[in-house]
Amino acid sequence: MSEVLLPKEKPVSLFATHTGSISEIAITNMVIDAVSTSAGYYKIKAGNKLRLYEFDLESEQETRAYIEVCKNLETTTLMWIKVKGFIIPSKGHIGRSWRYPLIIEAYDYDHGVRFSFIQTSGGIVDISAHGSVSPLS
C-alpha cells in the first residue's frame, strides 16, 4: 500500500500599520509573510482554512481594532463582517493568544481577512496576527 501524504500547514504572518484616524478605517497596506501588498486583505483560497492563534495591537491613542472577514471576494461589492474586536483604553500594547484559534473556513469562495480600527484622536497604530493556513479536512 502506498502512503498518502497530506499537505502541511503553512505559517502565516500578517502585519499592518497606519498613522491614525478618528473615523473607522480599514488598513489598506499590509505585510503578508514579509511581503508588502496594497490589496488590503489576506486571501484565503476556496478549499482552505486560516487559523489565527495570536493578535497584537499597539497604539499611541485609545483604539478599537477589529478582525474582519469577507466571505466572497468575487462579488463587486465586498461585505466585511467584524468577527473579533480589541480595545486599548490608552497608549499601550495588547497581545492575545488563543488556545482555541479563530478559524475561518473558505468552502465555496475565496475569503478575505483584513484589519480595521477607530481612535478617539489620531495616533500611530500597529496590528499583527499570526497563524497558519491549511487545506480543509
C-alpha atoms as a PDB file:
ATOM      1  CA  MET A   1       0.000   0.000   0.000  1.00  0.00           C
ATOM      2  CA  SER A   2       1.264   3.459  -0.821  1.00  0.00           C
ATOM      3  CA  GLU A   3       1.442   6.126   1.809  1.00  0.00           C
ATOM      4  CA  VAL A   4      -0.778   9.195   1.380  1.00  0.00           C
ATOM      5  CA  LEU A   5       0.910  12.460   2.307  1.00  0.00           C
ATOM      6  CA  LEU A   6      -1.406  15.248   3.374  1.00  0.00           C
ATOM      7  CA  PRO A   7      -0.377  18.855   2.768  1.00  0.00           C
ATOM      8  CA  LYS A   8       1.053  20.522   5.850  1.00  0.00           C
ATOM      9  CA  GLU A   9       0.021  23.754   7.443  1.00  0.00           C
ATOM     10  CA  LYS A  10       1.767  26.869   6.171  1.00  0.00           C
ATOM     11  CA  PRO A  11       2.584  29.563   8.759  1.00  0.00           C
ATOM     12  CA  VAL A  12       1.016  32.970   8.096  1.00  0.00           C
ATOM     13  CA  SER A  13       2.105  36.323   9.467  1.00  0.00           C
ATOM     14  CA  LEU A  14       0.033  39.477   8.893  1.00  0.00           C
ATOM     15  CA  PHE A  15       1.135  43.000   9.808  1.00  0.00           C
ATOM     16  CA  ALA A  16      -0.476  46.390   9.179  1.00  0.00           C
ATOM     17  CA  THR A  17       0.370  49.892  10.307  1.00  0.00           C
ATOM     18  CA  HIS A  18      -1.365  53.255   9.951  1.00  0.00           C
ATOM     19  CA  THR A  19      -0.693  56.846  11.054  1.00  0.00           C
ATOM     20  CA  GLY A  20      -4.080  57.052  12.776  1.00  0.00           C
ATOM     21  CA  SER A  21      -7.663  58.110  12.158  1.00  0.00           C
ATOM     22  CA  ILE A  22     -10.652  59.355  14.161  1.00  0.00           C
ATOM     23  CA  SER A  23     -13.076  57.701  11.720  1.00  0.00           C
ATOM     24  CA  GLU A  24     -13.318  53.944  11.231  1.00  0.00           C
ATOM     25  CA  ILE A  25     -10.876  52.861   8.549  1.00  0.00           C
ATOM     26  CA  ALA A  26      -9.669  49.593   7.042  1.00  0.00           C
ATOM     27  CA  ILE A  27      -5.901  49.409   6.685  1.00  0.00           C
ATOM     28  CA  THR A  28      -5.055  49.013   3.000  1.00  0.00           C
ATOM     29  CA  ASN A  29      -1.303  48.398   3.204  1.00  0.00           C
ATOM     30  CA  MET A  30      -0.420  45.046   4.753  1.00  0.00           C
ATOM     31  CA  VAL A  31       2.720  42.980   5.061  1.00  0.00           C
ATOM     32  CA  ILE A  32       1.859  39.330   4.458  1.00  0.00           C
ATOM     33  CA  ASP A  33       4.624  36.835   5.170  1.00  0.00           C
ATOM     34  CA  ALA A  34       7.253  39.610   4.882  1.00  0.00           C
ATOM     35  CA  VAL A  35       5.897  40.829   1.505  1.00  0.00           C
ATOM     36  CA  SER A  36       4.259  44.268   1.332  1.00  0.00           C
ATOM     37  CA  THR A  37       0.931  44.429  -0.508  1.00  0.00           C
ATOM     38  CA  SER A  38      -1.663  47.117  -1.156  1.00  0.00           C
ATOM     39  CA  ALA A  39      -4.556  44.660  -1.563  1.00  0.00           C
ATOM     40  CA  GLY A  40      -5.665  45.464   1.985  1.00  0.00           C
ATOM     41  CA  TYR A  41      -6.565  41.895   2.914  1.00  0.00           C
ATOM     42  CA  TYR A  42      -5.233  38.352   3.171  1.00  0.00           C
ATOM     43  CA  LYS A  43      -6.856  35.982   0.674  1.00  0.00           C
ATOM     44  CA  ILE A  44      -7.899  32.504   1.818  1.00  0.00           C
ATOM     45  CA  LYS A  45      -8.396  30.410  -1.302  1.00  0.00           C
ATOM     46  CA  ALA A  46     -11.514  28.235  -1.547  1.00  0.00           C
ATOM     47  CA  GLY A  47     -10.823  24.817  -0.036  1.00  0.00           C
ATOM     48  CA  ASN A  48      -8.528  26.191   2.692  1.00  0.00           C
ATOM     49  CA  LYS A  49      -8.859  27.421   6.256  1.00  0.00           C
ATOM     50  CA  LEU A  50      -6.988  30.074   8.194  1.00  0.00           C
ATOM     51  CA  ARG A  51      -6.295  29.638  11.894  1.00  0.00           C
ATOM     52  CA  LEU A  52      -5.273  32.746  13.810  1.00  0.00           C
ATOM     53  CA  TYR A  53      -3.538  31.980  17.108  1.00  0.00           C
ATOM     54  CA  GLU A  54      -2.199  35.403  18.093  1.00  0.00           C
ATOM     55  CA  PHE A  55      -3.215  39.033  17.742  1.00  0.00           C
ATOM     56  CA  ASP A  56      -1.163  42.083  18.735  1.00  0.00           C
ATOM     57  CA  LEU A  57      -2.275  45.704  18.827  1.00  0.00           C
ATOM     58  CA  GLU A  58      -0.064  48.672  19.692  1.00  0.00           C
ATOM     59  CA  SER A  59      -1.211  52.271  19.579  1.00  0.00           C
ATOM     60  CA  GLU A  60      -0.359  55.791  20.729  1.00  0.00           C
ATOM     61  CA  GLN A  61      -4.044  56.563  21.453  1.00  0.00           C
ATOM     62  CA  GLU A  62      -7.221  54.875  22.646  1.00  0.00           C
ATOM     63  CA  THR A  63      -8.010  52.406  19.853  1.00  0.00           C
ATOM     64  CA  ARG A  64     -10.667  49.883  18.891  1.00  0.00           C
ATOM     65  CA  ALA A  65      -9.361  47.356  16.366  1.00  0.00           C
ATOM     66  CA  TYR A  66     -11.222  44.625  14.524  1.00  0.00           C
ATOM     67  CA  ILE A  67     -10.542  41.489  12.518  1.00  0.00           C
ATOM     68  CA  GLU A  68     -12.955  41.495   9.582  1.00  0.00           C
ATOM     69  CA  VAL A  69     -13.881  38.702   7.148  1.00  0.00           C
ATOM     70  CA  CYS A  70     -15.351  38.857   3.647  1.00  0.00           C
ATOM     71  CA  LYS A  71     -16.986  35.550   2.655  1.00  0.00           C
ATOM     72  CA  ASN A  72     -16.860  36.080  -1.121  1.00  0.00           C
ATOM     73  CA  LEU A  73     -14.098  38.063  -2.818  1.00  0.00           C
ATOM     74  CA  GLU A  74     -15.669  37.504  -6.258  1.00  0.00           C
ATOM     75  CA  THR A  75     -18.597  39.909  -5.747  1.00  0.00           C
ATOM     76  CA  THR A  76     -18.423  43.506  -6.953  1.00  0.00           C
ATOM     77  CA  THR A  77     -19.399  44.925  -3.553  1.00  0.00           C
ATOM     78  CA  LEU A  78     -17.418  43.289  -0.781  1.00  0.00           C
ATOM     79  CA  MET A  79     -19.287  42.780   2.503  1.00  0.00           C
ATOM     80  CA  TRP A  80     -16.968  42.794   5.525  1.00  0.00           C
ATOM     81  CA  ILE A  81     -18.089  41.255   8.832  1.00  0.00           C
ATOM     82  CA  LYS A  82     -16.402  42.113  12.143  1.00  0.00           C
ATOM     83  CA  VAL A  83     -15.581  38.772  13.795  1.00  0.00           C
ATOM     84  CA  LYS A  84     -13.300  39.873  16.651  1.00  0.00           C
ATOM     85  CA  GLY A  85     -12.702  43.184  18.419  1.00  0.00           C
ATOM     86  CA  PHE A  86      -9.979  44.546  20.711  1.00  0.00           C
ATOM     87  CA  ILE A  87      -9.739  47.724  22.786  1.00  0.00           C
ATOM     88  CA  ILE A  88      -6.756  49.674  24.124  1.00  0.00           C
ATOM     89  CA  PRO A  89      -8.106  52.322  26.551  1.00  0.00           C
ATOM     90  CA  SER A  90      -4.940  54.463  26.298  1.00  0.00           C
ATOM     91  CA  LYS A  91      -1.434  54.392  24.808  1.00  0.00           C
ATOM     92  CA  GLY A  92      -0.050  50.887  25.015  1.00  0.00           C
ATOM     93  CA  HIS A  93       0.014  47.337  23.751  1.00  0.00           C
ATOM     94  CA  ILE A  94      -2.330  44.383  23.929  1.00  0.00           C
ATOM     95  CA  GLY A  95      -1.416  40.855  22.924  1.00  0.00           C
ATOM     96  CA  ARG A  96      -3.791  37.916  22.777  1.00  0.00           C
ATOM     97  CA  SER A  97      -3.009  34.258  22.251  1.00  0.00           C
ATOM     98  CA  TRP A  98      -5.768  31.709  21.984  1.00  0.00           C
ATOM     99  CA  ARG A  99      -5.639  28.061  22.909  1.00  0.00           C
ATOM    100  CA  TYR A 100      -8.587  27.614  20.560  1.00  0.00           C
ATOM    101  CA  PRO A 101      -7.792  29.741  17.500  1.00  0.00           C
ATOM    102  CA  LEU A 102     -10.086  31.862  15.382  1.00  0.00           C
ATOM    103  CA  ILE A 103     -10.782  29.585  12.389  1.00  0.00           C
ATOM    104  CA  ILE A 104     -12.017  30.948   9.057  1.00  0.00           C
ATOM    105  CA  GLU A 105     -13.003  28.238   6.556  1.00  0.00           C
ATOM    106  CA  ALA A 106     -13.377  29.039   2.843  1.00  0.00           C
ATOM    107  CA  TYR A 107     -15.613  26.307   1.425  1.00  0.00           C
ATOM    108  CA  ASP A 108     -17.153  27.685  -1.774  1.00  0.00           C
ATOM    109  CA  TYR A 109     -15.487  31.038  -2.416  1.00  0.00           C
ATOM    110  CA  ASP A 110     -12.220  32.821  -1.710  1.00  0.00           C
ATOM    111  CA  HIS A 111     -12.444  34.622   1.640  1.00  0.00           C
ATOM    112  CA  GLY A 112     -10.589  37.730   2.788  1.00  0.00           C
ATOM    113  CA  VAL A 113      -9.295  38.821   6.192  1.00  0.00           C
ATOM    114  CA  ARG A 114      -8.412  42.420   6.990  1.00  0.00           C
ATOM    115  CA  PHE A 115      -7.887  44.776   9.928  1.00  0.00           C
ATOM    116  CA  SER A 116      -9.820  47.950  10.702  1.00  0.00           C
ATOM    117  CA  PHE A 117      -9.682  50.423  13.580  1.00  0.00           C
ATOM    118  CA  ILE A 118     -11.064  53.644  15.033  1.00  0.00           C
ATOM    119  CA  GLN A 119      -9.453  56.061  17.508  1.00  0.00           C
ATOM    120  CA  THR A 120     -10.600  58.940  19.715  1.00  0.00           C
ATOM    121  CA  SER A 121      -7.681  61.026  18.397  1.00  0.00           C
ATOM    122  CA  GLY A 122      -5.279  60.052  15.638  1.00  0.00           C
ATOM    123  CA  GLY A 123      -2.083  58.231  16.528  1.00  0.00           C
ATOM    124  CA  ILE A 124       0.106  55.518  15.022  1.00  0.00           C
ATOM    125  CA  VAL A 125      -1.412  52.036  15.230  1.00  0.00           C
ATOM    126  CA  ASP A 126       0.299  48.688  14.543  1.00  0.00           C
ATOM    127  CA  ILE A 127      -1.699  45.480  14.185  1.00  0.00           C
ATOM    128  CA  SER A 128      -0.386  41.969  13.632  1.00  0.00           C
ATOM    129  CA  ALA A 129      -1.752  38.441  13.639  1.00  0.00           C
ATOM    130  CA  HIS A 130      -0.068  35.059  13.389  1.00  0.00           C
ATOM    131  CA  GLY A 131      -1.452  31.680  12.464  1.00  0.00           C
ATOM    132  CA  SER A 132      -1.492  29.067   9.743  1.00  0.00           C
ATOM    133  CA  VAL A 133      -3.340  28.145   6.582  1.00  0.00           C
ATOM    134  CA  SER A 134      -4.087  24.570   5.509  1.00  0.00           C
ATOM    135  CA  PRO A 135      -6.486  22.617   3.297  1.00  0.00           C
ATOM    136  CA  LEU A 136      -9.949  21.856   4.674  1.00  0.00           C
ATOM    137  CA  SER A 137     -10.120  18.367   6.102  1.00  0.00           C
END
